[in-house]
C-alpha atoms as a PDB file:
ATOM      1  CA  LEU A   1     -41.886  -7.795  21.288  1.00  0.00           C
ATOM      2  CA  THR A   2     -41.400  -7.020  25.001  1.00  0.00           C
ATOM      3  CA  GLN A   3     -37.616  -6.558  24.831  1.00  0.00           C
ATOM      4  CA  PRO A   4     -37.773  -2.752  24.312  1.00  0.00           C
ATOM      5  CA  LEU A   5     -39.978  -2.473  27.414  1.00  0.00           C
ATOM      6  CA  PHE A   6     -37.578  -4.480  29.550  1.00  0.00           C
ATOM      7  CA  GLY A   7     -34.696  -2.522  28.029  1.00  0.00           C
ATOM      8  CA  ALA A   8     -36.277   0.793  29.022  1.00  0.00           C
ATOM      9  CA  TRP A   9     -36.885  -0.611  32.503  1.00  0.00           C
ATOM     10  CA  ALA A  10     -33.234  -1.661  32.767  1.00  0.00           C
ATOM     11  CA  ASP A  11     -32.121   1.817  31.622  1.00  0.00           C
ATOM     12  CA  ARG A  12     -34.301   3.468  34.236  1.00  0.00           C
ATOM     13  CA  LEU A  13     -33.401   1.257  37.182  1.00  0.00           C
ATOM     14  CA  ARG A  14     -29.855   0.194  36.247  1.00  0.00           C
ATOM     15  CA  GLY A  15     -31.095  -3.097  37.666  1.00  0.00           C
ATOM     16  CA  ARG A  16     -28.767  -6.000  37.028  1.00  0.00           C
ATOM     17  CA  TRP A  17     -31.121  -8.103  39.125  1.00  0.00           C
ATOM     18  CA  LEU A  18     -33.349  -8.370  36.030  1.00  0.00           C
ATOM     19  CA  GLY A  19     -30.830 -10.846  34.591  1.00  0.00           C
ATOM     20  CA  PRO A  20     -30.960 -13.649  37.163  1.00  0.00           C
ATOM     21  CA  LEU A  21     -34.627 -12.998  37.892  1.00  0.00           C
ATOM     22  CA  GLY A  22     -35.468 -13.301  34.196  1.00  0.00           C
ATOM     23  CA  LEU A  23     -33.594 -16.583  33.827  1.00  0.00           C
ATOM     24  CA  LEU A  24     -35.218 -17.958  36.982  1.00  0.00           C
ATOM     25  CA  TRP A  25     -38.643 -16.919  35.655  1.00  0.00           C
ATOM     26  CA  THR A  26     -38.079 -18.696  32.330  1.00  0.00           C
ATOM     27  CA  LEU A  27     -36.820 -21.987  33.752  1.00  0.00           C
ATOM     28  CA  SER A  28     -39.639 -22.033  36.337  1.00  0.00           C
ATOM     29  CA  PHE A  29     -42.349 -21.903  33.661  1.00  0.00           C
ATOM     30  CA  TYR A  30     -40.581 -24.208  31.219  1.00  0.00           C
ATOM     31  CA  MET A  31     -40.207 -26.876  33.894  1.00  0.00           C
ATOM     32  CA  PHE A  32     -43.986 -27.355  33.884  1.00  0.00           C
ATOM     33  CA  ILE A  33     -44.288 -27.870  30.111  1.00  0.00           C
ATOM     34  CA  PRO A  34     -44.342 -31.714  30.327  1.00  0.00           C
ATOM     35  CA  TRP A  35     -47.356 -31.516  32.643  1.00  0.00           C
ATOM     36  CA  ALA A  36     -49.382 -29.053  30.545  1.00  0.00           C
ATOM     37  CA  PRO A  37     -52.880 -30.624  30.380  1.00  0.00           C
ATOM     38  CA  ASN A  38     -53.773 -29.120  26.995  1.00  0.00           C
ATOM     39  CA  PHE A  39     -52.423 -27.099  24.094  1.00  0.00           C
ATOM     40  CA  ALA A  40     -53.611 -23.784  25.541  1.00  0.00           C
ATOM     41  CA  MET A  41     -51.664 -24.343  28.753  1.00  0.00           C
ATOM     42  CA  LEU A  42     -48.599 -25.349  26.744  1.00  0.00           C
ATOM     43  CA  ILE A  43     -48.703 -22.112  24.745  1.00  0.00           C
ATOM     44  CA  GLY A  44     -49.318 -20.172  27.965  1.00  0.00           C
ATOM     45  CA  CYS A  45     -46.222 -21.613  29.652  1.00  0.00           C
ATOM     46  CA  LEU A  46     -44.096 -20.937  26.582  1.00  0.00           C
ATOM     47  CA  THR A  47     -45.355 -17.372  26.158  1.00  0.00           C
ATOM     48  CA  ILE A  48     -45.196 -16.290  29.798  1.00  0.00           C
ATOM     49  CA  GLY A  49     -41.869 -18.019  30.327  1.00  0.00           C
ATOM     50  CA  ALA A  50     -40.374 -16.179  27.352  1.00  0.00           C
ATOM     51  CA  LEU A  51     -40.789 -12.867  29.214  1.00  0.00           C
ATOM     52  CA  GLY A  52     -37.859 -13.879  31.394  1.00  0.00           C
ATOM     53  CA  SER A  53     -35.669 -14.335  28.336  1.00  0.00           C
ATOM     54  CA  ALA A  54     -36.588 -10.832  27.159  1.00  0.00           C
ATOM     55  CA  ALA A  55     -35.566  -9.394  30.530  1.00  0.00           C
ATOM     56  CA  LEU A  56     -32.262 -11.293  30.509  1.00  0.00           C
ATOM     57  CA  HIS A  57     -31.357 -10.085  27.019  1.00  0.00           C
ATOM     58  CA  ALA A  58     -32.269  -6.472  27.790  1.00  0.00           C
ATOM     59  CA  VAL A  59     -29.997  -6.117  30.813  1.00  0.00           C
ATOM     60  CA  GLY A  60     -27.351  -8.452  29.380  1.00  0.00           C
ATOM     61  CA  MET A  61     -26.764  -6.208  26.367  1.00  0.00           C
ATOM     62  CA  ILE A  62     -26.189  -3.186  28.614  1.00  0.00           C
ATOM     63  CA  ILE A  63     -23.762  -5.017  30.894  1.00  0.00           C
ATOM     64  CA  ALA A  64     -21.836  -6.556  28.001  1.00  0.00           C
ATOM     65  CA  SER A  65     -21.469  -3.270  26.131  1.00  0.00           C
ATOM     66  CA  ASP A  66     -20.375  -1.319  29.217  1.00  0.00           C
ATOM     67  CA  ALA A  67     -18.013  -4.039  30.424  1.00  0.00           C
ATOM     68  CA  GLY A  68     -16.290  -4.109  27.039  1.00  0.00           C
ATOM     69  CA  GLY A  69     -14.689  -0.699  27.573  1.00  0.00           C
ATOM     70  CA  LYS A  70     -12.696   0.008  24.403  1.00  0.00           C
ATOM     71  CA  HIS A  71     -14.173  -3.089  22.750  1.00  0.00           C
ATOM     72  CA  PRO A  72     -17.969  -2.885  23.212  1.00  0.00           C
ATOM     73  CA  THR A  73     -18.766  -4.792  20.025  1.00  0.00           C
ATOM     74  CA  THR A  74     -16.469  -7.677  20.936  1.00  0.00           C
ATOM     75  CA  ALA A  75     -17.969  -7.901  24.429  1.00  0.00           C
ATOM     76  CA  THR A  76     -21.503  -7.825  23.032  1.00  0.00           C
ATOM     77  CA  SER A  77     -20.607 -10.504  20.492  1.00  0.00           C
ATOM     78  CA  ILE A  78     -19.380 -12.806  23.272  1.00  0.00           C
ATOM     79  CA  PHE A  79     -22.738 -12.393  25.021  1.00  0.00           C
ATOM     80  CA  PHE A  80     -24.599 -13.430  21.871  1.00  0.00           C
ATOM     81  CA  VAL A  81     -22.174 -16.216  20.939  1.00  0.00           C
ATOM     82  CA  MET A  82     -22.838 -17.895  24.266  1.00  0.00           C
ATOM     83  CA  GLY A  83     -26.574 -17.645  23.650  1.00  0.00           C
ATOM     84  CA  GLN A  84     -26.309 -18.984  20.119  1.00  0.00           C
ATOM     85  CA  SER A  85     -24.121 -21.835  21.352  1.00  0.00           C
ATOM     86  CA  GLY A  86     -26.867 -22.696  23.806  1.00  0.00           C
ATOM     87  CA  LEU A  87     -29.400 -22.674  20.975  1.00  0.00           C
ATOM     88  CA  ALA A  88     -27.193 -25.085  19.056  1.00  0.00           C
ATOM     89  CA  LEU A  89     -26.566 -27.421  22.012  1.00  0.00           C
ATOM     90  CA  GLY A  90     -30.051 -27.246  23.539  1.00  0.00           C
ATOM     91  CA  PRO A  91     -31.912 -29.341  20.951  1.00  0.00           C
ATOM     92  CA  SER A  92     -29.180 -31.997  20.989  1.00  0.00           C
ATOM     93  CA  LEU A  93     -29.173 -32.292  24.777  1.00  0.00           C
ATOM     94  CA  SER A  94     -32.969 -32.234  24.919  1.00  0.00           C
ATOM     95  CA  GLY A  95     -33.085 -34.978  22.310  1.00  0.00           C
ATOM     96  CA  LEU A  96     -30.853 -37.193  24.444  1.00  0.00           C
ATOM     97  CA  VAL A  97     -32.954 -36.517  27.544  1.00  0.00           C
ATOM     98  CA  ILE A  98     -36.234 -37.225  25.732  1.00  0.00           C
ATOM     99  CA  ALA A  99     -34.813 -40.399  24.210  1.00  0.00           C
ATOM    100  CA  SER A 100     -33.804 -41.644  27.668  1.00  0.00           C
ATOM    101  CA  TRP A 101     -36.647 -40.456  29.914  1.00  0.00           C
ATOM    102  CA  GLY A 102     -39.302 -38.967  27.627  1.00  0.00           C
ATOM    103  CA  LEU A 103     -40.830 -35.524  28.154  1.00  0.00           C
ATOM    104  CA  ARG A 104     -40.845 -36.090  31.916  1.00  0.00           C
ATOM    105  CA  GLY A 105     -37.077 -35.772  31.831  1.00  0.00           C
ATOM    106  CA  LEU A 106     -37.078 -32.204  30.514  1.00  0.00           C
ATOM    107  CA  PRO A 107     -37.253 -30.574  33.984  1.00  0.00           C
ATOM    108  CA  PHE A 108     -33.822 -32.041  34.672  1.00  0.00           C
ATOM    109  CA  MET A 109     -32.520 -29.681  31.989  1.00  0.00           C
ATOM    110  CA  ALA A 110     -33.321 -26.847  34.417  1.00  0.00           C
ATOM    111  CA  ILE A 111     -30.474 -28.041  36.628  1.00  0.00           C
ATOM    112  CA  PHE A 112     -28.028 -26.561  34.107  1.00  0.00           C
ATOM    113  CA  ALA A 113     -29.739 -23.164  34.385  1.00  0.00           C
ATOM    114  CA  VAL A 114     -29.646 -23.091  38.192  1.00  0.00           C
ATOM    115  CA  ILE A 115     -25.859 -22.656  38.169  1.00  0.00           C
ATOM    116  CA  PRO A 116     -25.810 -19.342  36.224  1.00  0.00           C
ATOM    117  CA  VAL A 117     -28.810 -18.077  38.212  1.00  0.00           C
ATOM    118  CA  ILE A 118     -26.937 -18.538  41.494  1.00  0.00           C
ATOM    119  CA  SER A 119     -23.757 -17.071  40.002  1.00  0.00           C
ATOM    120  CA  MET A 120     -25.567 -13.966  38.752  1.00  0.00           C
ATOM    121  CA  PHE A 121     -27.219 -13.357  42.117  1.00  0.00           C
ATOM    122  CA  PHE A 122     -23.803 -13.423  43.805  1.00  0.00           C
ATOM    123  CA  LEU A 123     -22.344 -11.092  41.166  1.00  0.00           C
ATOM    124  CA  LEU A 124     -24.978  -8.448  41.926  1.00  0.00           C
ATOM    125  CA  TRP A 125     -22.610  -7.177  44.618  1.00  0.00           C
ATOM    126  CA  ALA A 126     -19.640  -6.874  42.259  1.00  0.00           C
ATOM    127  CA  PRO A 127     -18.452  -3.373  41.219  1.00  0.00           C
ATOM    128  CA  VAL A 128     -20.163  -1.849  38.194  1.00  0.00           C
ATOM    129  CA  HIS A 129     -18.343  -0.318  35.205  1.00  0.00           C
ATOM    130  CA  TYR A 130     -20.486   2.312  33.529  1.00  0.00           C
ATOM    131  CA  ASP A 131     -19.486   3.589  30.112  1.00  0.00           C
ATOM    132  CA  PRO A 132     -18.359   7.232  30.590  1.00  0.00           C
ATOM    133  CA  VAL A 133     -18.901   7.944  26.894  1.00  0.00           C
ATOM    134  CA  ALA A 134     -22.542   6.921  27.168  1.00  0.00           C
ATOM    135  CA  MET A 135     -23.081   8.796  30.424  1.00  0.00           C
ATOM    136  CA  GLY A 136     -21.773  12.056  28.948  1.00  0.00           C
ATOM    137  CA  ALA A 137     -22.929  11.716  25.386  1.00  0.00           C
ATOM    138  CA  ALA A 138     -26.418  13.073  25.910  1.00  0.00           C
ATOM    139  CA  SER A 139     -25.247  16.378  27.413  1.00  0.00           C
ATOM    140  CA  ALA A 140     -22.497  16.743  24.785  1.00  0.00           C
ATOM    141  CA  ASN A 141     -25.006  16.351  21.978  1.00  0.00           C
ATOM    142  CA  ASP A 142     -27.695  18.677  23.347  1.00  0.00           C
ATOM    143  CA  GLY A 143     -26.478  21.618  21.258  1.00  0.00           C
ATOM    144  CA  ARG A 144     -26.553  19.607  18.049  1.00  0.00           C
ATOM    145  CA  LYS A 145     -30.008  18.009  18.352  1.00  0.00           C
ATOM    146  CA  ARG A 146     -31.844  20.383  16.015  1.00  0.00           C
ATOM    147  CA  ASN A 147     -29.215  20.225  13.274  1.00  0.00           C
ATOM    148  CA  SER A 148     -29.015  16.429  13.336  1.00  0.00           C
ATOM    149  CA  ALA A 149     -32.735  15.626  13.595  1.00  0.00           C
ATOM    150  CA  SER A 150     -33.294  15.067   9.879  1.00  0.00           C
ATOM    151  CA  ILE A 151     -30.042  13.110   9.567  1.00  0.00           C
ATOM    152  CA  LYS A 152     -30.926  10.874  12.471  1.00  0.00           C
ATOM    153  CA  TRP A 153     -34.314   9.980  10.990  1.00  0.00           C
ATOM    154  CA  GLY A 154     -32.589   9.082   7.732  1.00  0.00           C
ATOM    155  CA  VAL A 155     -30.103   6.948   9.630  1.00  0.00           C
ATOM    156  CA  ILE A 156     -32.900   5.188  11.490  1.00  0.00           C
ATOM    157  CA  GLY A 157     -34.698   4.447   8.212  1.00  0.00           C
ATOM    158  CA  ALA A 158     -31.566   2.944   6.657  1.00  0.00           C
ATOM    159  CA  PHE A 159     -30.886   1.029   9.855  1.00  0.00           C
ATOM    160  CA  VAL A 160     -34.379  -0.487   9.927  1.00  0.00           C
ATOM    161  CA  LEU A 161     -34.105  -1.470   6.254  1.00  0.00           C
ATOM    162  CA  LEU A 162     -30.727  -3.098   6.896  1.00  0.00           C
ATOM    163  CA  ILE A 163     -32.089  -5.203   9.767  1.00  0.00           C
ATOM    164  CA  LEU A 164     -35.146  -6.221   7.728  1.00  0.00           C
ATOM    165  CA  LEU A 165     -33.096  -7.361   4.728  1.00  0.00           C
ATOM    166  CA  ARG A 166     -30.498  -9.148   6.841  1.00  0.00           C
ATOM    167  CA  SER A 167     -33.123 -11.021   8.859  1.00  0.00           C
ATOM    168  CA  ALA A 168     -35.009 -12.007   5.703  1.00  0.00           C
ATOM    169  CA  THR A 169     -32.208 -14.307   4.562  1.00  0.00           C
ATOM    170  CA  MET A 170     -30.750 -15.456   7.881  1.00  0.00           C
ATOM    171  CA  GLN A 171     -33.955 -16.445   9.647  1.00  0.00           C
ATOM    172  CA  THR A 172     -35.746 -17.796   6.586  1.00  0.00           C
ATOM    173  CA  TYR A 173     -32.801 -20.092   5.928  1.00  0.00           C
ATOM    174  CA  THR A 174     -32.718 -21.218   9.546  1.00  0.00           C
ATOM    175  CA  ILE A 175     -36.441 -22.017   9.536  1.00  0.00           C
ATOM    176  CA  PHE A 176     -36.758 -23.654   6.112  1.00  0.00           C
ATOM    177  CA  LEU A 177     -33.437 -25.455   5.706  1.00  0.00           C
ATOM    178  CA  PRO A 178     -34.745 -28.646   7.403  1.00  0.00           C
ATOM    179  CA  LYS A 179     -37.675 -28.810   4.971  1.00  0.00           C
ATOM    180  CA  PHE A 180     -35.420 -28.012   2.018  1.00  0.00           C
ATOM    181  CA  LEU A 181     -32.826 -30.651   2.922  1.00  0.00           C
ATOM    182  CA  GLU A 182     -35.545 -33.209   3.587  1.00  0.00           C
ATOM    183  CA  GLY A 183     -36.803 -32.558   0.070  1.00  0.00           C
ATOM    184  CA  ARG A 184     -33.325 -33.285  -1.229  1.00  0.00           C
ATOM    185  CA  GLY A 185     -33.538 -36.749   0.327  1.00  0.00           C
ATOM    186  CA  TYR A 186     -31.646 -36.338   3.586  1.00  0.00           C
ATOM    187  CA  LEU A 187     -32.833 -38.158   6.718  1.00  0.00           C
ATOM    188  CA  PRO A 188     -33.636 -36.206   9.925  1.00  0.00           C
ATOM    189  CA  GLY A 189     -30.398 -37.208  11.618  1.00  0.00           C
ATOM    190  CA  ALA A 190     -28.366 -35.956   8.669  1.00  0.00           C
ATOM    191  CA  TYR A 191     -30.147 -32.685   7.959  1.00  0.00           C
ATOM    192  CA  GLY A 192     -30.304 -31.835  11.656  1.00  0.00           C
ATOM    193  CA  PHE A 193     -26.510 -31.868  11.730  1.00  0.00           C
ATOM    194  CA  MET A 194     -26.335 -29.979   8.432  1.00  0.00           C
ATOM    195  CA  VAL A 195     -28.550 -27.180   9.750  1.00  0.00           C
ATOM    196  CA  GLY A 196     -26.434 -27.133  12.912  1.00  0.00           C
ATOM    197  CA  ILE A 197     -23.347 -26.387  10.809  1.00  0.00           C
ATOM    198  CA  PHE A 198     -25.094 -23.339   9.349  1.00  0.00           C
ATOM    199  CA  VAL A 199     -26.154 -22.124  12.818  1.00  0.00           C
ATOM    200  CA  PHE A 200     -22.734 -22.820  14.340  1.00  0.00           C
ATOM    201  CA  GLY A 201     -21.121 -20.861  11.512  1.00  0.00           C
ATOM    202  CA  GLY A 202     -23.423 -17.990  12.441  1.00  0.00           C
ATOM    203  CA  ALA A 203     -22.214 -18.110  16.053  1.00  0.00           C
ATOM    204  CA  ILE A 204     -18.587 -17.928  14.930  1.00  0.00           C
ATOM    205  CA  GLY A 205     -19.497 -15.070  12.606  1.00  0.00           C
ATOM    206  CA  THR A 206     -21.059 -13.146  15.493  1.00  0.00           C
ATOM    207  CA  PHE A 207     -17.827 -13.340  17.469  1.00  0.00           C
ATOM    208  CA  CYS A 208     -15.642 -12.421  14.489  1.00  0.00           C
ATOM    209  CA  GLY A 209     -17.969  -9.534  13.689  1.00  0.00           C
ATOM    210  CA  GLY A 210     -17.545  -8.194  17.203  1.00  0.00           C
ATOM    211  CA  MET A 211     -13.774  -8.037  16.852  1.00  0.00           C
ATOM    212  CA  LEU A 212     -13.938  -6.575  13.344  1.00  0.00           C
ATOM    213  CA  GLY A 213     -16.472  -3.967  14.450  1.00  0.00           C
ATOM    214  CA  ASP A 214     -14.078  -2.688  17.120  1.00  0.00           C
ATOM    215  CA  LYS A 215     -11.119  -2.465  14.715  1.00  0.00           C
ATOM    216  CA  PHE A 216     -12.643  -1.193  11.470  1.00  0.00           C
ATOM    217  CA  ASN A 217     -15.416   1.021  10.154  1.00  0.00           C
ATOM    218  CA  ARG A 218     -18.580  -0.839  11.124  1.00  0.00           C
ATOM    219  CA  ARG A 219     -20.679   0.035   8.090  1.00  0.00           C
ATOM    220  CA  LEU A 220     -17.899  -1.213   5.788  1.00  0.00           C
ATOM    221  CA  VAL A 221     -17.637  -4.432   7.802  1.00  0.00           C
ATOM    222  CA  ILE A 222     -21.384  -4.983   7.341  1.00  0.00           C
ATOM    223  CA  PHE A 223     -21.230  -4.119   3.629  1.00  0.00           C
ATOM    224  CA  THR A 224     -18.258  -6.376   2.916  1.00  0.00           C
ATOM    225  CA  SER A 225     -19.557  -9.364   4.875  1.00  0.00           C
ATOM    226  CA  SER A 226     -23.029  -9.057   3.321  1.00  0.00           C
ATOM    227  CA  VAL A 227     -21.705  -9.014  -0.232  1.00  0.00           C
ATOM    228  CA  LEU A 228     -19.256 -11.856   0.430  1.00  0.00           C
ATOM    229  CA  ALA A 229     -22.102 -13.960   1.864  1.00  0.00           C
ATOM    230  CA  VAL A 230     -23.973 -14.067  -1.452  1.00  0.00           C
ATOM    231  CA  PRO A 231     -21.892 -16.666  -3.355  1.00  0.00           C
ATOM    232  CA  PHE A 232     -21.752 -18.985  -0.350  1.00  0.00           C
ATOM    233  CA  CYS A 233     -25.521 -18.665   0.255  1.00  0.00           C
ATOM    234  CA  TYR A 234     -26.053 -19.651  -3.368  1.00  0.00           C
ATOM    235  CA  LEU A 235     -23.519 -22.488  -3.443  1.00  0.00           C
ATOM    236  CA  PHE A 236     -24.376 -24.331  -0.232  1.00  0.00           C
ATOM    237  CA  LEU A 237     -28.001 -24.862  -1.298  1.00  0.00           C
ATOM    238  CA  GLY A 238     -26.875 -27.233  -4.043  1.00  0.00           C
ATOM    239  CA  ALA A 239     -23.726 -28.622  -2.440  1.00  0.00           C
ATOM    240  CA  ASP A 240     -23.144 -32.053  -0.912  1.00  0.00           C
ATOM    241  CA  GLY A 241     -20.528 -33.598   1.347  1.00  0.00           C
ATOM    242  CA  TRP A 242     -17.585 -31.537   2.555  1.00  0.00           C
ATOM    243  CA  LEU A 243     -18.408 -28.741   0.092  1.00  0.00           C
ATOM    244  CA  TYR A 244     -21.772 -28.265   1.807  1.00  0.00           C
ATOM    245  CA  TYR A 245     -20.214 -28.029   5.266  1.00  0.00           C
ATOM    246  CA  VAL A 246     -17.626 -25.469   4.166  1.00  0.00           C
ATOM    247  CA  THR A 247     -20.029 -23.258   2.210  1.00  0.00           C
ATOM    248  CA  ALA A 248     -22.836 -23.526   4.803  1.00  0.00           C
ATOM    249  CA  ALA A 249     -20.499 -22.528   7.641  1.00  0.00           C
ATOM    250  CA  LEU A 250     -19.168 -19.584   5.625  1.00  0.00           C
ATOM    251  CA  ALA A 251     -22.676 -18.512   4.595  1.00  0.00           C
ATOM    252  CA  GLY A 252     -23.937 -18.571   8.184  1.00  0.00           C
ATOM    253  CA  GLY A 253     -20.827 -16.841   9.483  1.00  0.00           C
ATOM    254  CA  LEU A 254     -20.826 -14.020   6.942  1.00  0.00           C
ATOM    255  CA  LEU A 255     -24.571 -13.422   7.332  1.00  0.00           C
ATOM    256  CA  ASN A 256     -24.222 -13.146  11.109  1.00  0.00           C
ATOM    257  CA  ILE A 257     -21.118 -10.946  11.282  1.00  0.00           C
ATOM    258  CA  SER A 258     -23.371  -7.894  11.524  1.00  0.00           C
ATOM    259  CA  HIS A 259     -25.422  -9.197  14.493  1.00  0.00           C
ATOM    260  CA  SER A 260     -23.585  -7.663  17.458  1.00  0.00           C
ATOM    261  CA  ILE A 261     -22.435  -4.691  15.357  1.00  0.00           C
ATOM    262  CA  LEU A 262     -26.059  -3.693  14.750  1.00  0.00           C
ATOM    263  CA  ILE A 263     -26.828  -3.863  18.473  1.00  0.00           C
ATOM    264  CA  VAL A 264     -23.899  -1.590  19.381  1.00  0.00           C
ATOM    265  CA  MET A 265     -24.702   0.835  16.552  1.00  0.00           C
ATOM    266  CA  ALA A 266     -28.293   1.076  17.784  1.00  0.00           C
ATOM    267  CA  GLN A 267     -27.110   1.747  21.331  1.00  0.00           C
ATOM    268  CA  ALA A 268     -24.850   4.518  20.013  1.00  0.00           C
ATOM    269  CA  LEU A 269     -27.879   6.369  18.605  1.00  0.00           C
ATOM    270  CA  LEU A 270     -29.215   6.889  22.153  1.00  0.00           C
ATOM    271  CA  PRO A 271     -26.304   6.175  24.537  1.00  0.00           C
ATOM    272  CA  ARG A 272     -28.344   6.767  27.687  1.00  0.00           C
ATOM    273  CA  GLN A 273     -31.010   4.306  26.571  1.00  0.00           C
ATOM    274  CA  LYS A 274     -28.846   1.346  25.613  1.00  0.00           C
ATOM    275  CA  GLY A 275     -31.291  -1.188  26.990  1.00  0.00           C
ATOM    276  CA  MET A 276     -34.275   0.156  25.087  1.00  0.00           C
ATOM    277  CA  MET A 277     -32.345   0.548  21.818  1.00  0.00           C
ATOM    278  CA  GLY A 278     -30.693  -2.854  22.110  1.00  0.00           C
ATOM    279  CA  GLY A 279     -34.002  -4.483  23.001  1.00  0.00           C
ATOM    280  CA  ALA A 280     -35.820  -2.754  20.157  1.00  0.00           C
ATOM    281  CA  THR A 281     -33.155  -3.832  17.676  1.00  0.00           C
ATOM    282  CA  LEU A 282     -33.070  -7.434  18.836  1.00  0.00           C
ATOM    283  CA  GLY A 283     -36.857  -7.598  18.963  1.00  0.00           C
ATOM    284  CA  PHE A 284     -37.135  -6.176  15.457  1.00  0.00           C
ATOM    285  CA  MET A 285     -34.582  -8.717  14.210  1.00  0.00           C
ATOM    286  CA  PHE A 286     -36.738 -11.573  15.476  1.00  0.00           C
ATOM    287  CA  ALA A 287     -40.068 -10.032  14.452  1.00  0.00           C
ATOM    288  CA  SER A 288     -39.003  -8.998  10.949  1.00  0.00           C
ATOM    289  CA  GLY A 289     -37.330 -12.362  10.407  1.00  0.00           C
ATOM    290  CA  ALA A 290     -40.488 -14.167  11.461  1.00  0.00           C
ATOM    291  CA  VAL A 291     -42.683 -12.057   9.163  1.00  0.00           C
ATOM    292  CA  THR A 292     -40.387 -12.432   6.152  1.00  0.00           C
ATOM    293  CA  ALA A 293     -40.122 -16.184   6.774  1.00  0.00           C
ATOM    294  CA  TRP A 294     -43.924 -16.373   6.842  1.00  0.00           C
ATOM    295  CA  LEU A 295     -44.143 -14.438   3.573  1.00  0.00           C
ATOM    296  CA  ALA A 296     -41.435 -16.645   2.076  1.00  0.00           C
ATOM    297  CA  GLY A 297     -43.499 -19.681   3.037  1.00  0.00           C
ATOM    298  CA  LEU A 298     -46.551 -18.290   1.262  1.00  0.00           C
ATOM    299  CA  VAL A 299     -44.537 -17.600  -1.878  1.00  0.00           C
ATOM    300  CA  ALA A 300     -42.880 -21.028  -1.660  1.00  0.00           C
ATOM    301  CA  ASP A 301     -46.316 -22.656  -1.765  1.00  0.00           C
ATOM    302  CA  GLN A 302     -46.828 -21.043  -5.160  1.00  0.00           C
ATOM    303  CA  ILE A 303     -43.429 -21.254  -6.870  1.00  0.00           C
ATOM    304  CA  GLY A 304     -41.505 -23.772  -4.778  1.00  0.00           C
ATOM    305  CA  LEU A 305     -39.206 -23.542  -1.759  1.00  0.00           C
ATOM    306  CA  THR A 306     -36.044 -24.066  -3.803  1.00  0.00           C
ATOM    307  CA  VAL A 307     -36.690 -20.986  -5.952  1.00  0.00           C
ATOM    308  CA  VAL A 308     -37.421 -18.838  -2.886  1.00  0.00           C
ATOM    309  CA  LEU A 309     -34.217 -19.849  -1.098  1.00  0.00           C
ATOM    310  CA  TYR A 310     -32.106 -19.184  -4.180  1.00  0.00           C
ATOM    311  CA  VAL A 311     -33.666 -15.736  -4.606  1.00  0.00           C
ATOM    312  CA  LEU A 312     -33.030 -14.931  -0.939  1.00  0.00           C
ATOM    313  CA  ALA A 313     -29.351 -15.719  -1.474  1.00  0.00           C
ATOM    314  CA  PHE A 314     -29.043 -12.363  -3.289  1.00  0.00           C
ATOM    315  CA  VAL A 315     -30.894 -10.244  -0.689  1.00  0.00           C
ATOM    316  CA  PRO A 316     -27.693  -9.608   1.364  1.00  0.00           C
ATOM    317  CA  ILE A 317     -26.508  -7.381  -1.502  1.00  0.00           C
ATOM    318  CA  LEU A 318     -29.383  -5.008  -0.704  1.00  0.00           C
ATOM    319  CA  ALA A 319     -28.577  -5.249   3.009  1.00  0.00           C
ATOM    320  CA  GLY A 320     -24.979  -4.278   2.289  1.00  0.00           C
ATOM    321  CA  ALA A 321     -26.101  -1.325   0.186  1.00  0.00           C
ATOM    322  CA  SER A 322     -28.303  -0.160   3.072  1.00  0.00           C
ATOM    323  CA  ALA A 323     -25.274  -0.252   5.375  1.00  0.00           C
ATOM    324  CA  LEU A 324     -23.508   2.301   3.164  1.00  0.00           C
ATOM    325  CA  LEU A 325     -26.296   4.782   3.965  1.00  0.00           C
ATOM    326  CA  LEU A 326     -25.290   4.736   7.639  1.00  0.00           C
ATOM    327  CA  PRO A 327     -22.801   7.292   9.012  1.00  0.00           C
ATOM    328  CA  SER A 328     -19.163   6.338   9.408  1.00  0.00           C
ATOM    329  CA  THR A 329     -18.337   4.770  12.772  1.00  0.00           C
ATOM    330  CA  ARG A 330     -14.556   5.078  12.663  1.00  0.00           C
ATOM    331  CA  GLN A 331     -13.918   6.578  16.082  1.00  0.00           C
ATOM    332  CA  SER A 332     -10.979   7.686  18.138  1.00  0.00           C
ATOM    333  CA  ALA A 333     -10.054   5.672  21.183  1.00  0.00           C
ATOM    334  CA  PRO A 334     -12.727   6.034  23.873  1.00  0.00           C
ATOM    335  CA  ALA A 335     -12.049   7.423  27.298  1.00  0.00           C
ATOM    336  CA  PRO A 336     -10.915   4.993  29.980  1.00  0.00           C
ATOM    337  CA  LEU A 337     -13.537   3.329  32.106  1.00  0.00           C
ATOM    338  CA  ALA A 338     -14.835   5.223  35.074  1.00  0.00           C
ATOM    339  CA  ALA A 339     -13.958   3.913  38.496  1.00  0.00           C
ATOM    340  CA  PRO A 340     -16.097   0.944  39.523  1.00  0.00           C
ATOM    341  CA  GLN A 341     -19.103   1.794  41.640  1.00  0.00           C
ATOM    342  CA  ALA A 342     -20.235  -0.436  44.447  1.00  0.00           C
ATOM    343  CA  ALA A 343     -23.591  -2.065  43.873  1.00  0.00           C
ATOM    344  CA  PRO A 344     -24.766  -3.572  47.178  1.00  0.00           C
ATOM    345  CA  GLY A 345     -28.320  -4.150  46.014  1.00  0.00           C
ATOM    346  CA  ASP A 346     -28.196  -2.701  42.528  1.00  0.00           C
END
């Protein structure tokens, strides 16, 4: 929810220092979780610590997009793939630490985060590449604002609907797959790995989507991947063995191809406010996914989780149709990067 605010702050200050400071903030609060005396303090540490993650994502999306030059979607996808890889590895590493030392061993996990914090602080003095297209886009579009106002609101409506429908399937599956697989008779060790395959497929899909989004029309990439995801979303729910792993990986990958593309498309709507637009998009992805997962849970209590998950397998068709309402993004080659600017203190 706070990502648009941090994004707007990053746009205003051009402050790369928000990245390392945000990560340092998060690890500092999460280190104290094992010593939380009660549930309220635990929730407090988790909530306040998460503000650092919001700051890191806000400035990270700007840096990744600008640094990508002619390939902003690919660069943004790499940023998210690294984060999703961490989400996949984190629970496994934490499980090993807890098994060996209990909850008191979790602060040792912070050692891994210290390395990127130090690296980012040193990189604050590296030259900055600002996107010349973004810097000049606002002035170039000033004369067209009145004529495009109604179109832009229509685009925003279609864009919001696309994110909502995409998140409905992706996040509901991620949240409820453990419960669903447990109901099919799998043990925790088995279904944990099976869910990981789905998530890992999503990470690969994010990276592939970045490359495809830089080479082809982005709305057609989203439409095609969304429609192709439907049969695999349907099949993997009832599959076993190697067939499950193949279909689950393909389902997760195809559903997540649009992730970084949506971020870059949102930033293109307001090029001088990349942080705010990227933060708003990412925040809405999480928020809408959480709400739809909650609603799916309520419906599942009435008609069964299996029925709900099978119905959600067809929702990507609607997401793909929403993508066709967006304007074409087939663009000519962008201008070369502006000369790097020194950033002694950013």
